[in-house]
Structures are given as structure tokens and as C-alpha cells.
Amino acid sequence: MPIRDDVQPADDLNAGFAQACATGYPRPQSVEFANFWAPFGDMWIKILEEVSTPEEAVNEACAAMNAANEK
């Protein structure tokens, strides 16, 4: 991401990222949200490696996230 305002992106893709950075805002951080990443990262791996169906993997990830968040 550009950090200097005197440098312009050389292509449309980088220009799009620069615009998103200039107009975006940081993702909110919370303990509950932090408990999302590991279960849902594991979910993708299980789906891609065909260890679980998408439905099984999503259900398992949601259950793990809810347990971590004590909900």
C-alpha cells in the first residue's frame, strides 16, 4: 500500500487498493471476533481437502467459535 502521497500507482489494480486504503477503516477488534479466525481457517482446509462437506465444516466452525465465546 502506498505510504507516500508523491507516488502514484502504475496500474489499475494497485490504484484500486490505494483508493480502498484511503477510504477504508480498520476492522473492529474484539475477543469474540478473534475467536472467529482459527475455527473458520480450519473450516476452509477441511473443505478443500474434502475432509468435511461445506455444511459439516461450517457447523463445526460455528460450534467451536460459540464454545470459545461461551455462547
Protein backbone atom coordinates (compact mmCIF):
# COMPACT_ATOMS: atom_id res chain seq x y z
CA MET A 1 0.00 0.00 0.00
CA PRO A 2 1.36 3.41 -0.83
CA ILE A 3 2.56 5.40 2.13
CA ARG A 4 3.92 8.31 0.15
CA ASP A 5 1.50 10.79 -1.39
CA ASP A 6 4.02 11.75 -4.09
CA VAL A 7 3.94 8.24 -5.65
CA GLN A 8 1.07 7.24 -7.91
CA PRO A 9 0.04 3.62 -8.63
CA ALA A 10 1.25 2.41 -12.02
CA ASP A 11 -1.77 0.19 -12.75
CA ASP A 12 -5.49 -0.07 -12.08
CA LEU A 13 -5.19 -2.91 -9.56
CA ASN A 14 -2.81 -1.00 -7.30
CA ALA A 15 -4.86 2.16 -7.78
CA GLY A 16 -7.92 0.27 -6.52
CA PHE A 17 -6.05 -0.88 -3.41
CA ALA A 18 -4.79 2.65 -2.80
CA GLN A 19 -8.32 4.02 -3.04
CA ALA A 20 -9.67 1.35 -0.69
CA CYS A 21 -6.93 2.16 1.84
CA ALA A 22 -7.65 5.87 1.64
CA THR A 23 -11.39 5.44 2.19
CA GLY A 24 -11.50 2.32 4.38
CA TYR A 25 -11.43 1.90 8.12
CA PRO A 26 -9.77 -0.68 10.38
CA ARG A 27 -11.59 -3.90 11.13
CA PRO A 28 -13.05 -3.86 14.65
CA GLN A 29 -11.14 -5.96 17.16
CA SER A 30 -12.74 -7.91 19.98
CA VAL A 31 -12.17 -11.17 21.82
CA GLU A 32 -15.27 -12.63 20.19
CA PHE A 33 -14.08 -11.70 16.71
CA ALA A 34 -10.62 -13.08 17.42
CA ASN A 35 -12.26 -16.44 18.15
CA PHE A 36 -13.55 -16.49 14.56
CA TRP A 37 -10.21 -16.89 12.78
CA ALA A 38 -8.95 -20.32 13.88
CA PRO A 39 -12.22 -22.27 13.52
CA PHE A 40 -13.06 -20.75 10.16
CA GLY A 41 -9.49 -21.10 8.88
CA ASP A 42 -9.65 -24.78 9.79
CA MET A 43 -13.04 -24.94 8.07
CA TRP A 44 -11.58 -23.93 4.71
CA ILE A 45 -8.83 -26.52 4.96
CA LYS A 46 -11.30 -29.29 5.78
CA ILE A 47 -13.47 -28.31 2.81
CA LEU A 48 -10.57 -28.01 0.37
CA GLU A 49 -9.06 -31.29 1.50
CA GLU A 50 -12.53 -32.90 1.33
CA VAL A 51 -12.34 -33.98 4.97
CA SER A 52 -15.77 -32.43 5.58
CA THR A 53 -18.66 -31.20 3.49
CA PRO A 54 -19.15 -27.43 3.50
CA GLU A 55 -22.23 -27.82 5.68
CA GLU A 56 -20.41 -30.00 8.23
CA ALA A 57 -17.39 -27.69 8.30
CA VAL A 58 -19.48 -24.54 8.80
CA ASN A 59 -21.50 -26.16 11.58
CA GLU A 60 -18.32 -27.35 13.31
CA ALA A 61 -16.66 -23.92 12.96
CA CYS A 62 -19.71 -22.14 14.36
CA ALA A 63 -19.89 -24.55 17.30
CA ALA A 64 -16.17 -24.07 18.04
CA MET A 65 -16.48 -20.27 17.84
CA ASN A 66 -19.54 -20.25 20.07
CA ALA A 67 -17.82 -22.50 22.61
CA ALA A 68 -14.75 -20.25 22.65
CA ASN A 69 -17.04 -17.25 23.17
CA GLU A 70 -19.03 -19.13 25.82
CA LYS A 71 -22.30 -18.67 23.90
